[in-house]
Amino acid sequence: MRHASRFILLSVTKVGDKSLVLHTLSPEWGRRSFITSVSKKAPMALFLPLSLLDGEVVENSKSDLWRLQEICAGAPLNGIRNDVRKNTMTLFLSEVLLRTVKEGAIEQGLFEWCRSSILTLDAMESDFSNFHLRFLLELAAALGFSPSLEDLMPFAGEHLGIVRELLSCSTAESMLIPMSGAQRNAVAGLLLDYISYHSESPVQVRSLQVLRELYS
């Protein structure tokens, strides 16, 4: 059977010279990996973190690793790809999703929320330095943790005031909360600790260090 669908690319694993395993989110299959064939002339920009893709899934009764073909961009994301800060942010956010959403999990509404968030970041022209913090808070809600100030207090420490502001204002307003690079890094870390606690497994995000260097 064949199914056309939309995908958010989280990560890629190279298999030999002509194949990639794509770790994705989709409306139908949630967090699932697919294999695809690529040529040397394939546009590798398709396979960057948080790329929005359209493609056709070919089921295979003999394997859990189904094939994804006829892949094309679901949206160009020029606003992200032409900005090194946004690209670094998507590297971080894609790894967070990869570590927090388990293979095979289907979280209702997660795909649409993620897709909308990616398009929002792509469209933003300025004042997006706090975007990843808002994303982490909304991800916790999308995963069913429903973060409240009381829930976050054990993790917030001296940054409780910033956390309170993030929780109480709109997305647009949260982009304008003044923070130093050190504060952003600390708040990102505590939100990851909160998500790790509720996921009942450590969320080790290696690209957090890259983000720390960008906002140091």
N, C-alpha and C. Protein backbone atom coordinates (compact mmCIF):
# COMPACT_ATOMS: atom_id res chain seq x y z
N MET A 1 0.84 -1.20 0.00
CA MET A 1 0.00 0.00 0.00
C MET A 1 0.87 1.25 0.00
N ARG A 2 0.35 2.33 -0.59
CA ARG A 2 1.07 3.59 -0.66
C ARG A 2 0.21 4.69 -0.04
N HIS A 3 0.88 5.60 0.67
CA HIS A 3 0.17 6.68 1.35
C HIS A 3 0.94 7.98 1.17
N ALA A 4 0.28 9.01 0.68
CA ALA A 4 0.89 10.34 0.62
C ALA A 4 0.72 11.00 1.98
N SER A 5 1.76 11.66 2.45
CA SER A 5 1.66 12.31 3.76
C SER A 5 2.66 13.45 3.86
N ARG A 6 2.60 14.14 4.98
CA ARG A 6 3.52 15.22 5.30
C ARG A 6 4.41 14.77 6.45
N PHE A 7 5.62 15.33 6.50
CA PHE A 7 6.59 14.90 7.49
C PHE A 7 7.39 16.09 8.00
N ILE A 8 7.84 15.96 9.25
CA ILE A 8 8.84 16.86 9.81
C ILE A 8 10.09 16.02 10.04
N LEU A 9 11.19 16.44 9.46
CA LEU A 9 12.43 15.67 9.58
C LEU A 9 13.16 16.05 10.87
N LEU A 10 13.45 15.05 11.69
CA LEU A 10 14.17 15.28 12.94
C LEU A 10 15.66 15.00 12.80
N SER A 11 15.98 13.94 12.08
CA SER A 11 17.38 13.55 11.97
C SER A 11 17.53 12.58 10.80
N VAL A 12 18.77 12.40 10.37
CA VAL A 12 19.08 11.52 9.25
C VAL A 12 20.24 10.60 9.64
N THR A 13 20.12 9.33 9.27
CA THR A 13 21.21 8.38 9.44
C THR A 13 21.58 7.83 8.07
N LYS A 14 22.85 7.98 7.69
CA LYS A 14 23.30 7.49 6.39
C LYS A 14 23.48 5.97 6.43
N VAL A 15 22.99 5.29 5.39
CA VAL A 15 23.13 3.84 5.27
C VAL A 15 23.78 3.55 3.92
N GLY A 16 25.03 3.20 3.93
CA GLY A 16 25.74 2.99 2.67
C GLY A 16 25.89 4.28 1.89
N ASP A 17 26.05 4.15 0.58
CA ASP A 17 26.28 5.33 -0.26
C ASP A 17 25.00 5.89 -0.86
N LYS A 18 23.93 5.10 -0.86
CA LYS A 18 22.75 5.52 -1.62
C LYS A 18 21.46 5.55 -0.81
N SER A 19 21.53 5.36 0.50
CA SER A 19 20.31 5.33 1.30
C SER A 19 20.44 6.17 2.56
N LEU A 20 19.31 6.70 2.99
CA LEU A 20 19.22 7.43 4.26
C LEU A 20 18.04 6.87 5.05
N VAL A 21 18.23 6.80 6.35
CA VAL A 21 17.09 6.56 7.24
C VAL A 21 16.66 7.92 7.78
N LEU A 22 15.40 8.25 7.55
CA LEU A 22 14.85 9.54 7.96
C LEU A 22 14.03 9.35 9.23
N HIS A 23 14.40 10.04 10.28
CA HIS A 23 13.66 9.99 11.55
C HIS A 23 12.68 11.16 11.54
N THR A 24 11.41 10.87 11.57
CA THR A 24 10.39 11.87 11.26
C THR A 24 9.25 11.91 12.26
N LEU A 25 8.48 13.01 12.15
CA LEU A 25 7.14 13.11 12.74
C LEU A 25 6.16 13.24 11.59
N SER A 26 5.01 12.58 11.70
CA SER A 26 3.96 12.73 10.70
C SER A 26 2.60 12.60 11.39
N PRO A 27 1.53 13.09 10.75
CA PRO A 27 0.20 12.99 11.38
C PRO A 27 -0.25 11.54 11.57
N GLU A 28 0.05 10.69 10.60
CA GLU A 28 -0.46 9.31 10.64
C GLU A 28 0.37 8.38 11.51
N TRP A 29 1.68 8.54 11.49
CA TRP A 29 2.56 7.57 12.13
C TRP A 29 3.33 8.14 13.33
N GLY A 30 3.09 9.39 13.67
CA GLY A 30 3.79 9.97 14.79
C GLY A 30 5.29 9.95 14.56
N ARG A 31 6.03 9.55 15.57
CA ARG A 31 7.49 9.46 15.47
C ARG A 31 7.84 8.12 14.84
N ARG A 32 8.35 8.16 13.62
CA ARG A 32 8.68 6.92 12.92
C ARG A 32 9.83 7.16 11.95
N SER A 33 10.61 6.12 11.72
CA SER A 33 11.74 6.19 10.79
C SER A 33 11.39 5.48 9.49
N PHE A 34 11.90 6.04 8.40
CA PHE A 34 11.69 5.48 7.06
C PHE A 34 13.03 5.44 6.33
N ILE A 35 13.15 4.55 5.37
CA ILE A 35 14.35 4.52 4.55
C ILE A 35 14.03 5.11 3.18
N THR A 36 14.99 5.80 2.60
CA THR A 36 14.82 6.37 1.27
C THR A 36 16.11 6.26 0.49
N SER A 37 16.00 6.21 -0.81
CA SER A 37 17.17 6.17 -1.68
C SER A 37 17.50 7.58 -2.14
N VAL A 38 18.79 7.88 -2.22
CA VAL A 38 19.22 9.21 -2.66
C VAL A 38 20.33 9.05 -3.70
N SER A 39 20.34 9.94 -4.65
CA SER A 39 21.41 9.95 -5.64
C SER A 39 22.43 11.01 -5.25
N LYS A 40 23.55 11.00 -5.93
CA LYS A 40 24.59 11.99 -5.65
C LYS A 40 24.12 13.41 -5.98
N LYS A 41 23.11 13.50 -6.84
CA LYS A 41 22.59 14.81 -7.25
C LYS A 41 21.39 15.24 -6.41
N ALA A 42 21.04 14.45 -5.41
CA ALA A 42 19.88 14.78 -4.57
C ALA A 42 20.12 16.09 -3.83
N PRO A 43 19.12 16.97 -3.74
CA PRO A 43 19.27 18.24 -3.01
C PRO A 43 19.31 17.99 -1.50
N MET A 44 20.51 17.95 -0.94
CA MET A 44 20.66 17.60 0.47
C MET A 44 20.05 18.64 1.40
N ALA A 45 19.73 19.82 0.89
CA ALA A 45 19.03 20.82 1.70
C ALA A 45 17.68 20.30 2.16
N LEU A 46 17.12 19.31 1.46
CA LEU A 46 15.86 18.69 1.88
C LEU A 46 15.99 18.02 3.24
N PHE A 47 17.20 17.59 3.58
CA PHE A 47 17.39 16.72 4.72
C PHE A 47 18.04 17.42 5.91
N LEU A 48 17.80 18.72 6.03
CA LEU A 48 18.28 19.48 7.18
C LEU A 48 17.28 19.38 8.33
N PRO A 49 17.72 19.61 9.58
CA PRO A 49 16.82 19.48 10.73
C PRO A 49 15.57 20.35 10.61
N LEU A 50 14.44 19.75 10.92
CA LEU A 50 13.11 20.36 10.91
C LEU A 50 12.62 20.74 9.52
N SER A 51 13.21 20.15 8.48
CA SER A 51 12.67 20.35 7.13
C SER A 51 11.23 19.82 7.09
N LEU A 52 10.38 20.53 6.37
CA LEU A 52 9.00 20.11 6.15
C LEU A 52 8.95 19.41 4.80
N LEU A 53 8.56 18.15 4.80
CA LEU A 53 8.60 17.34 3.60
C LEU A 53 7.23 16.78 3.25
N ASP A 54 7.02 16.58 1.96
CA ASP A 54 5.91 15.78 1.46
C ASP A 54 6.51 14.52 0.84
N GLY A 55 5.81 13.40 0.96
CA GLY A 55 6.34 12.17 0.38
C GLY A 55 5.31 11.08 0.36
N GLU A 56 5.71 9.96 -0.20
CA GLU A 56 4.82 8.80 -0.34
C GLU A 56 5.42 7.62 0.41
N VAL A 57 4.65 7.08 1.34
CA VAL A 57 5.10 5.93 2.13
C VAL A 57 4.67 4.64 1.43
N VAL A 58 5.63 3.73 1.29
CA VAL A 58 5.35 2.42 0.72
C VAL A 58 5.46 1.39 1.84
N GLU A 59 4.34 0.79 2.23
CA GLU A 59 4.36 -0.20 3.30
C GLU A 59 5.10 -1.46 2.86
N ASN A 60 5.70 -2.13 3.85
CA ASN A 60 6.41 -3.38 3.60
C ASN A 60 6.03 -4.36 4.71
N SER A 61 5.30 -5.39 4.33
CA SER A 61 4.82 -6.36 5.32
C SER A 61 5.96 -7.18 5.94
N LYS A 62 7.13 -7.14 5.29
CA LYS A 62 8.26 -7.94 5.77
C LYS A 62 9.23 -7.15 6.64
N SER A 63 8.96 -5.86 6.80
CA SER A 63 9.88 -5.02 7.57
C SER A 63 9.13 -3.88 8.24
N ASP A 64 9.61 -3.47 9.42
CA ASP A 64 9.05 -2.29 10.09
C ASP A 64 9.60 -1.00 9.51
N LEU A 65 10.69 -1.11 8.75
CA LEU A 65 11.32 0.07 8.16
C LEU A 65 10.76 0.25 6.75
N TRP A 66 9.68 1.03 6.66
CA TRP A 66 9.02 1.25 5.37
C TRP A 66 9.81 2.26 4.55
N ARG A 67 9.49 2.31 3.27
CA ARG A 67 10.20 3.19 2.35
C ARG A 67 9.44 4.50 2.16
N LEU A 68 10.19 5.60 2.09
CA LEU A 68 9.63 6.91 1.79
C LEU A 68 10.21 7.37 0.46
N GLN A 69 9.32 7.71 -0.49
CA GLN A 69 9.79 8.10 -1.82
C GLN A 69 9.00 9.30 -2.32
N GLU A 70 9.39 9.77 -3.50
CA GLU A 70 8.76 10.97 -4.09
C GLU A 70 8.83 12.15 -3.11
N ILE A 71 9.99 12.32 -2.47
CA ILE A 71 10.14 13.35 -1.43
C ILE A 71 10.34 14.72 -2.06
N CYS A 72 9.64 15.70 -1.54
CA CYS A 72 9.83 17.08 -1.98
C CYS A 72 9.59 18.00 -0.79
N ALA A 73 9.99 19.25 -0.92
CA ALA A 73 9.82 20.21 0.17
C ALA A 73 8.35 20.58 0.32
N GLY A 74 7.85 20.49 1.55
CA GLY A 74 6.49 20.93 1.83
C GLY A 74 6.41 22.43 2.01
N ALA A 75 7.53 23.04 2.34
CA ALA A 75 7.67 24.50 2.46
C ALA A 75 9.16 24.78 2.36
N PRO A 76 9.58 25.86 1.70
CA PRO A 76 11.01 26.09 1.47
C PRO A 76 11.81 26.50 2.71
N LEU A 77 11.17 27.15 3.68
CA LEU A 77 11.85 27.59 4.91
C LEU A 77 13.07 28.46 4.63
N ASN A 78 12.94 29.36 3.68
CA ASN A 78 14.06 30.25 3.36
C ASN A 78 14.44 31.15 4.53
N GLY A 79 13.46 31.53 5.33
CA GLY A 79 13.75 32.39 6.48
C GLY A 79 14.64 31.72 7.51
N ILE A 80 14.55 30.39 7.60
CA ILE A 80 15.40 29.63 8.51
C ILE A 80 16.74 29.33 7.86
N ARG A 81 16.72 28.82 6.63
CA ARG A 81 17.95 28.35 5.99
C ARG A 81 18.93 29.47 5.67
N ASN A 82 18.44 30.70 5.59
CA ASN A 82 19.33 31.83 5.28
C ASN A 82 19.80 32.56 6.53
N ASP A 83 19.56 31.99 7.71
CA ASP A 83 19.93 32.64 8.96
C ASP A 83 20.64 31.62 9.86
N VAL A 84 21.92 31.85 10.13
CA VAL A 84 22.69 30.87 10.91
C VAL A 84 22.13 30.70 12.31
N ARG A 85 21.56 31.77 12.89
CA ARG A 85 21.00 31.65 14.24
C ARG A 85 19.77 30.76 14.25
N LYS A 86 18.92 30.92 13.25
CA LYS A 86 17.72 30.07 13.17
C LYS A 86 18.10 28.63 12.86
N ASN A 87 19.09 28.43 11.99
CA ASN A 87 19.53 27.07 11.69
C ASN A 87 20.06 26.37 12.94
N THR A 88 20.82 27.10 13.75
CA THR A 88 21.33 26.54 14.99
C THR A 88 20.19 26.20 15.94
N MET A 89 19.19 27.06 15.97
CA MET A 89 18.03 26.82 16.83
C MET A 89 17.27 25.56 16.38
N THR A 90 17.12 25.37 15.06
CA THR A 90 16.40 24.20 14.59
C THR A 90 17.20 22.92 14.85
N LEU A 91 18.52 23.01 14.84
CA LEU A 91 19.35 21.86 15.21
C LEU A 91 19.05 21.44 16.64
N PHE A 92 18.96 22.42 17.53
CA PHE A 92 18.66 22.16 18.93
C PHE A 92 17.24 21.60 19.08
N LEU A 93 16.25 22.24 18.47
CA LEU A 93 14.86 21.84 18.63
C LEU A 93 14.59 20.46 18.04
N SER A 94 15.22 20.16 16.91
CA SER A 94 15.02 18.84 16.32
C SER A 94 15.60 17.75 17.21
N GLU A 95 16.73 18.04 17.85
CA GLU A 95 17.32 17.04 18.75
C GLU A 95 16.46 16.86 19.99
N VAL A 96 15.88 17.95 20.50
CA VAL A 96 14.97 17.83 21.64
C VAL A 96 13.80 16.91 21.28
N LEU A 97 13.20 17.12 20.12
CA LEU A 97 12.08 16.27 19.69
C LEU A 97 12.53 14.82 19.52
N LEU A 98 13.71 14.63 18.96
CA LEU A 98 14.23 13.28 18.75
C LEU A 98 14.43 12.55 20.07
N ARG A 99 14.87 13.29 21.10
CA ARG A 99 15.15 12.67 22.40
C ARG A 99 13.90 12.50 23.26
N THR A 100 12.88 13.32 23.05
CA THR A 100 11.72 13.29 23.95
C THR A 100 10.55 12.47 23.41
N VAL A 101 10.41 12.43 22.08
CA VAL A 101 9.29 11.68 21.49
C VAL A 101 9.84 10.32 21.06
N LYS A 102 9.37 9.28 21.68
CA LYS A 102 9.92 7.94 21.46
C LYS A 102 9.46 7.37 20.13
N GLU A 103 10.31 6.57 19.53
CA GLU A 103 9.98 5.87 18.27
C GLU A 103 8.67 5.10 18.44
N GLY A 104 7.74 5.31 17.53
CA GLY A 104 6.45 4.63 17.58
C GLY A 104 5.37 5.40 18.30
N ALA A 105 5.75 6.47 19.01
CA ALA A 105 4.75 7.24 19.76
C ALA A 105 3.94 8.13 18.82
N ILE A 106 2.64 8.19 19.05
CA ILE A 106 1.75 9.08 18.30
C ILE A 106 1.06 10.00 19.31
N GLU A 107 1.53 11.24 19.37
CA GLU A 107 0.96 12.24 20.29
C GLU A 107 -0.04 13.09 19.51
N GLN A 108 -1.29 13.05 19.93
CA GLN A 108 -2.34 13.76 19.22
C GLN A 108 -2.04 15.26 19.12
N GLY A 109 -2.04 15.77 17.92
CA GLY A 109 -1.84 17.21 17.71
C GLY A 109 -0.40 17.65 17.68
N LEU A 110 0.55 16.75 17.99
CA LEU A 110 1.96 17.16 18.07
C LEU A 110 2.50 17.61 16.71
N PHE A 111 2.17 16.86 15.66
CA PHE A 111 2.68 17.21 14.34
C PHE A 111 2.22 18.60 13.92
N GLU A 112 0.93 18.88 14.04
CA GLU A 112 0.41 20.17 13.59
C GLU A 112 0.99 21.32 14.41
N TRP A 113 1.15 21.10 15.71
CA TRP A 113 1.76 22.14 16.55
C TRP A 113 3.21 22.38 16.13
N CYS A 114 3.97 21.31 15.91
CA CYS A 114 5.37 21.45 15.49
C CYS A 114 5.46 22.17 14.15
N ARG A 115 4.64 21.78 13.21
CA ARG A 115 4.68 22.39 11.89
C ARG A 115 4.36 23.88 11.97
N SER A 116 3.35 24.23 12.74
CA SER A 116 2.99 25.63 12.92
C SER A 116 4.13 26.41 13.57
N SER A 117 4.80 25.82 14.55
CA SER A 117 5.92 26.47 15.23
C SER A 117 7.08 26.71 14.27
N ILE A 118 7.38 25.73 13.43
CA ILE A 118 8.47 25.87 12.46
C ILE A 118 8.18 27.00 11.49
N LEU A 119 6.95 27.06 10.99
CA LEU A 119 6.57 28.12 10.05
C LEU A 119 6.60 29.49 10.72
N THR A 120 6.25 29.53 12.01
CA THR A 120 6.32 30.79 12.75
C THR A 120 7.76 31.28 12.85
N LEU A 121 8.68 30.39 13.22
CA LEU A 121 10.09 30.76 13.30
C LEU A 121 10.60 31.21 11.94
N ASP A 122 10.21 30.50 10.90
CA ASP A 122 10.65 30.85 9.55
C ASP A 122 10.22 32.26 9.17
N ALA A 123 9.03 32.66 9.60
CA ALA A 123 8.48 33.96 9.21
C ALA A 123 9.01 35.12 10.04
N MET A 124 9.55 34.83 11.22
CA MET A 124 10.00 35.90 12.12
C MET A 124 11.23 36.60 11.55
N GLU A 125 11.22 37.92 11.53
CA GLU A 125 12.33 38.69 10.97
C GLU A 125 13.28 39.19 12.05
N SER A 126 12.81 39.28 13.28
CA SER A 126 13.65 39.76 14.38
C SER A 126 13.03 39.29 15.69
N ASP A 127 13.74 39.56 16.78
CA ASP A 127 13.24 39.25 18.12
C ASP A 127 12.82 37.79 18.27
N PHE A 128 13.68 36.87 17.83
CA PHE A 128 13.37 35.44 17.99
C PHE A 128 14.35 34.72 18.92
N SER A 129 15.16 35.47 19.64
CA SER A 129 16.17 34.84 20.50
C SER A 129 15.58 34.01 21.63
N ASN A 130 14.32 34.28 22.00
CA ASN A 130 13.66 33.51 23.05
C ASN A 130 12.79 32.40 22.49
N PHE A 131 12.81 32.22 21.18
CA PHE A 131 11.85 31.29 20.56
C PHE A 131 12.00 29.87 21.11
N HIS A 132 13.24 29.41 21.28
CA HIS A 132 13.43 28.03 21.74
C HIS A 132 12.90 27.80 23.15
N LEU A 133 12.87 28.87 23.96
CA LEU A 133 12.33 28.74 25.31
C LEU A 133 10.82 28.56 25.27
N ARG A 134 10.17 29.37 24.45
CA ARG A 134 8.73 29.23 24.28
C ARG A 134 8.40 27.86 23.69
N PHE A 135 9.20 27.41 22.74
CA PHE A 135 9.00 26.10 22.12
C PHE A 135 9.06 25.00 23.18
N LEU A 136 10.03 25.05 24.08
CA LEU A 136 10.16 24.02 25.11
C LEU A 136 8.95 24.00 26.04
N LEU A 137 8.46 25.18 26.41
CA LEU A 137 7.27 25.24 27.26
C LEU A 137 6.07 24.64 26.54
N GLU A 138 5.87 25.02 25.30
CA GLU A 138 4.71 24.53 24.54
C GLU A 138 4.86 23.05 24.22
N LEU A 139 6.09 22.58 24.03
CA LEU A 139 6.31 21.15 23.83
C LEU A 139 5.88 20.36 25.06
N ALA A 140 6.24 20.86 26.24
CA ALA A 140 5.83 20.19 27.48
C ALA A 140 4.31 20.07 27.54
N ALA A 141 3.62 21.15 27.16
CA ALA A 141 2.16 21.12 27.15
C ALA A 141 1.63 20.14 26.10
N ALA A 142 2.27 20.13 24.91
CA ALA A 142 1.84 19.23 23.84
C ALA A 142 2.02 17.77 24.22
N LEU A 143 3.00 17.49 25.07
CA LEU A 143 3.25 16.12 25.53
C LEU A 143 2.38 15.75 26.73
N GLY A 144 1.56 16.71 27.19
CA GLY A 144 0.61 16.42 28.25
C GLY A 144 1.10 16.74 29.65
N PHE A 145 2.22 17.48 29.79
CA PHE A 145 2.75 17.78 31.11
C PHE A 145 2.09 19.01 31.73
N SER A 146 1.49 19.86 30.91
CA SER A 146 0.75 21.05 31.37
C SER A 146 1.54 21.85 32.39
N PRO A 147 2.66 22.45 31.99
CA PRO A 147 3.49 23.17 32.96
C PRO A 147 2.79 24.36 33.58
N SER A 148 2.84 24.45 34.88
CA SER A 148 2.33 25.60 35.62
C SER A 148 3.50 26.18 36.41
N LEU A 149 3.31 27.38 36.96
CA LEU A 149 4.38 27.99 37.75
C LEU A 149 4.73 27.11 38.94
N GLU A 150 3.73 26.57 39.59
CA GLU A 150 3.97 25.71 40.75
C GLU A 150 4.75 24.46 40.34
N ASP A 151 4.42 23.93 39.17
CA ASP A 151 5.08 22.73 38.67
C ASP A 151 6.55 23.00 38.33
N LEU A 152 6.84 24.22 37.86
CA LEU A 152 8.19 24.57 37.42
C LEU A 152 9.07 25.12 38.53
N MET A 153 8.48 25.51 39.64
CA MET A 153 9.24 26.14 40.73
C MET A 153 10.44 25.32 41.19
N PRO A 154 10.32 23.98 41.36
CA PRO A 154 11.48 23.21 41.82
C PRO A 154 12.67 23.25 40.86
N PHE A 155 12.42 23.62 39.62
CA PHE A 155 13.47 23.63 38.61
C PHE A 155 14.00 25.04 38.33
N ALA A 156 13.22 26.06 38.69
CA ALA A 156 13.49 27.42 38.23
C ALA A 156 14.59 28.13 39.00
N GLY A 157 14.69 27.89 40.30
CA GLY A 157 15.72 28.56 41.08
C GLY A 157 15.65 30.07 40.96
N GLU A 158 16.79 30.71 40.71
CA GLU A 158 16.85 32.17 40.62
C GLU A 158 16.19 32.73 39.37
N HIS A 159 15.76 31.85 38.47
CA HIS A 159 15.15 32.29 37.22
C HIS A 159 13.63 32.19 37.25
N LEU A 160 13.08 32.11 38.46
CA LEU A 160 11.63 31.98 38.61
C LEU A 160 10.89 33.15 37.98
N GLY A 161 11.43 34.36 38.12
CA GLY A 161 10.77 35.54 37.56
C GLY A 161 10.63 35.45 36.04
N ILE A 162 11.68 34.98 35.37
CA ILE A 162 11.64 34.83 33.92
C ILE A 162 10.63 33.75 33.53
N VAL A 163 10.64 32.64 34.27
CA VAL A 163 9.70 31.56 34.00
C VAL A 163 8.27 32.05 34.17
N ARG A 164 8.04 32.85 35.20
CA ARG A 164 6.69 33.40 35.42
C ARG A 164 6.25 34.25 34.24
N GLU A 165 7.16 35.06 33.73
CA GLU A 165 6.83 35.90 32.57
C GLU A 165 6.54 35.05 31.34
N LEU A 166 7.36 34.04 31.10
CA LEU A 166 7.15 33.18 29.94
C LEU A 166 5.78 32.51 29.99
N LEU A 167 5.36 32.12 31.18
CA LEU A 167 4.08 31.43 31.33
C LEU A 167 2.89 32.37 31.20
N SER A 168 3.08 33.62 31.56
CA SER A 168 1.93 34.52 31.67
C SER A 168 1.67 35.37 30.43
N CYS A 169 2.59 35.39 29.48
CA CYS A 169 2.40 36.28 28.34
C CYS A 169 2.20 35.48 27.05
N SER A 170 1.79 36.18 26.00
CA SER A 170 1.56 35.56 24.70
C SER A 170 2.90 35.19 24.05
N THR A 171 2.82 34.44 22.97
CA THR A 171 4.04 34.07 22.24
C THR A 171 4.79 35.31 21.77
N ALA A 172 4.06 36.26 21.19
CA ALA A 172 4.70 37.48 20.68
C ALA A 172 5.35 38.26 21.83
N GLU A 173 4.65 38.36 22.95
CA GLU A 173 5.19 39.10 24.10
C GLU A 173 6.41 38.39 24.69
N SER A 174 6.40 37.06 24.66
CA SER A 174 7.52 36.32 25.25
C SER A 174 8.81 36.53 24.47
N MET A 175 8.71 36.88 23.20
CA MET A 175 9.91 37.15 22.41
C MET A 175 10.62 38.43 22.86
N LEU A 176 9.89 39.29 23.58
CA LEU A 176 10.42 40.60 23.98
C LEU A 176 10.91 40.62 25.42
N ILE A 177 10.83 39.50 26.12
CA ILE A 177 11.32 39.45 27.50
C ILE A 177 12.84 39.62 27.48
N PRO A 178 13.36 40.66 28.14
CA PRO A 178 14.82 40.88 28.09
C PRO A 178 15.57 39.81 28.87
N MET A 179 16.57 39.21 28.23
CA MET A 179 17.39 38.20 28.87
C MET A 179 18.81 38.28 28.34
N SER A 180 19.76 38.01 29.20
CA SER A 180 21.14 37.87 28.74
C SER A 180 21.31 36.47 28.14
N GLY A 181 22.43 36.26 27.44
CA GLY A 181 22.70 34.94 26.90
C GLY A 181 22.78 33.89 27.99
N ALA A 182 23.39 34.25 29.10
CA ALA A 182 23.52 33.30 30.22
C ALA A 182 22.15 32.93 30.78
N GLN A 183 21.25 33.90 30.87
CA GLN A 183 19.91 33.61 31.36
C GLN A 183 19.15 32.69 30.42
N ARG A 184 19.25 32.97 29.10
CA ARG A 184 18.57 32.09 28.13
C ARG A 184 19.09 30.66 28.25
N ASN A 185 20.39 30.52 28.37
CA ASN A 185 20.98 29.19 28.47
C ASN A 185 20.51 28.47 29.73
N ALA A 186 20.44 29.21 30.84
CA ALA A 186 20.01 28.61 32.10
C ALA A 186 18.55 28.19 32.04
N VAL A 187 17.70 29.04 31.44
CA VAL A 187 16.28 28.72 31.35
C VAL A 187 16.06 27.52 30.42
N ALA A 188 16.81 27.46 29.31
CA ALA A 188 16.72 26.30 28.42
C ALA A 188 17.09 25.03 29.18
N GLY A 189 18.14 25.10 29.98
CA GLY A 189 18.57 23.94 30.75
C GLY A 189 17.54 23.49 31.76
N LEU A 190 16.92 24.43 32.47
CA LEU A 190 15.94 24.04 33.49
C LEU A 190 14.67 23.48 32.85
N LEU A 191 14.29 24.01 31.68
CA LEU A 191 13.12 23.47 30.99
C LEU A 191 13.39 22.05 30.48
N LEU A 192 14.62 21.80 30.04
CA LEU A 192 14.98 20.43 29.66
C LEU A 192 14.96 19.50 30.87
N ASP A 193 15.40 20.01 32.02
CA ASP A 193 15.35 19.21 33.25
C ASP A 193 13.90 18.87 33.60
N TYR A 194 13.01 19.85 33.42
CA TYR A 194 11.59 19.63 33.70
C TYR A 194 11.01 18.57 32.76
N ILE A 195 11.32 18.66 31.48
CA ILE A 195 10.83 17.68 30.50
C ILE A 195 11.42 16.30 30.80
N SER A 196 12.69 16.26 31.17
CA SER A 196 13.33 14.98 31.52
C SER A 196 12.63 14.33 32.70
N TYR A 197 12.30 15.14 33.70
CA TYR A 197 11.64 14.63 34.91
C TYR A 197 10.31 13.98 34.56
N HIS A 198 9.52 14.66 33.73
CA HIS A 198 8.20 14.14 33.39
C HIS A 198 8.26 13.03 32.34
N SER A 199 9.34 13.00 31.56
CA SER A 199 9.51 11.91 30.59
C SER A 199 10.05 10.65 31.27
N GLU A 200 10.53 10.82 32.49
CA GLU A 200 11.10 9.73 33.27
C GLU A 200 12.34 9.13 32.59
N SER A 201 13.02 9.96 31.80
CA SER A 201 14.30 9.56 31.22
C SER A 201 15.09 10.82 30.89
N PRO A 202 16.40 10.80 31.07
CA PRO A 202 17.21 11.99 30.82
C PRO A 202 17.13 12.42 29.35
N VAL A 203 16.97 13.72 29.13
CA VAL A 203 16.98 14.26 27.77
C VAL A 203 18.34 14.92 27.56
N GLN A 204 19.27 14.15 27.02
CA GLN A 204 20.62 14.64 26.78
C GLN A 204 20.68 15.25 25.39
N VAL A 205 20.79 16.58 25.33
CA VAL A 205 20.76 17.29 24.05
C VAL A 205 22.16 17.85 23.80
N ARG A 206 22.89 17.23 22.89
CA ARG A 206 24.28 17.62 22.64
C ARG A 206 24.38 19.01 21.99
N SER A 207 23.37 19.36 21.18
CA SER A 207 23.43 20.64 20.48
C SER A 207 23.13 21.83 21.41
N LEU A 208 22.78 21.56 22.67
CA LEU A 208 22.57 22.66 23.61
C LEU A 208 23.85 23.47 23.76
N GLN A 209 25.00 22.81 23.71
CA GLN A 209 26.27 23.53 23.84
C GLN A 209 26.48 24.49 22.68
N VAL A 210 26.07 24.08 21.47
CA VAL A 210 26.18 24.97 20.31
C VAL A 210 25.30 26.20 20.52
N LEU A 211 24.10 25.97 21.05
CA LEU A 211 23.18 27.08 21.31
C LEU A 211 23.77 27.99 22.38
N ARG A 212 24.41 27.42 23.38
CA ARG A 212 25.03 28.22 24.44
C ARG A 212 26.11 29.12 23.88
N GLU A 213 26.88 28.61 22.95
CA GLU A 213 27.94 29.42 22.34
C GLU A 213 27.36 30.54 21.50
N LEU A 214 26.23 30.27 20.85
CA LEU A 214 25.60 31.29 20.02
C LEU A 214 25.05 32.42 20.87
N TYR A 215 24.53 32.09 22.06
CA TYR A 215 23.90 33.10 22.91
C TYR A 215 24.73 33.38 24.16
N SER A 216 26.01 33.21 24.08
CA SER A 216 26.86 33.48 25.24
C SER A 216 27.11 34.97 25.39
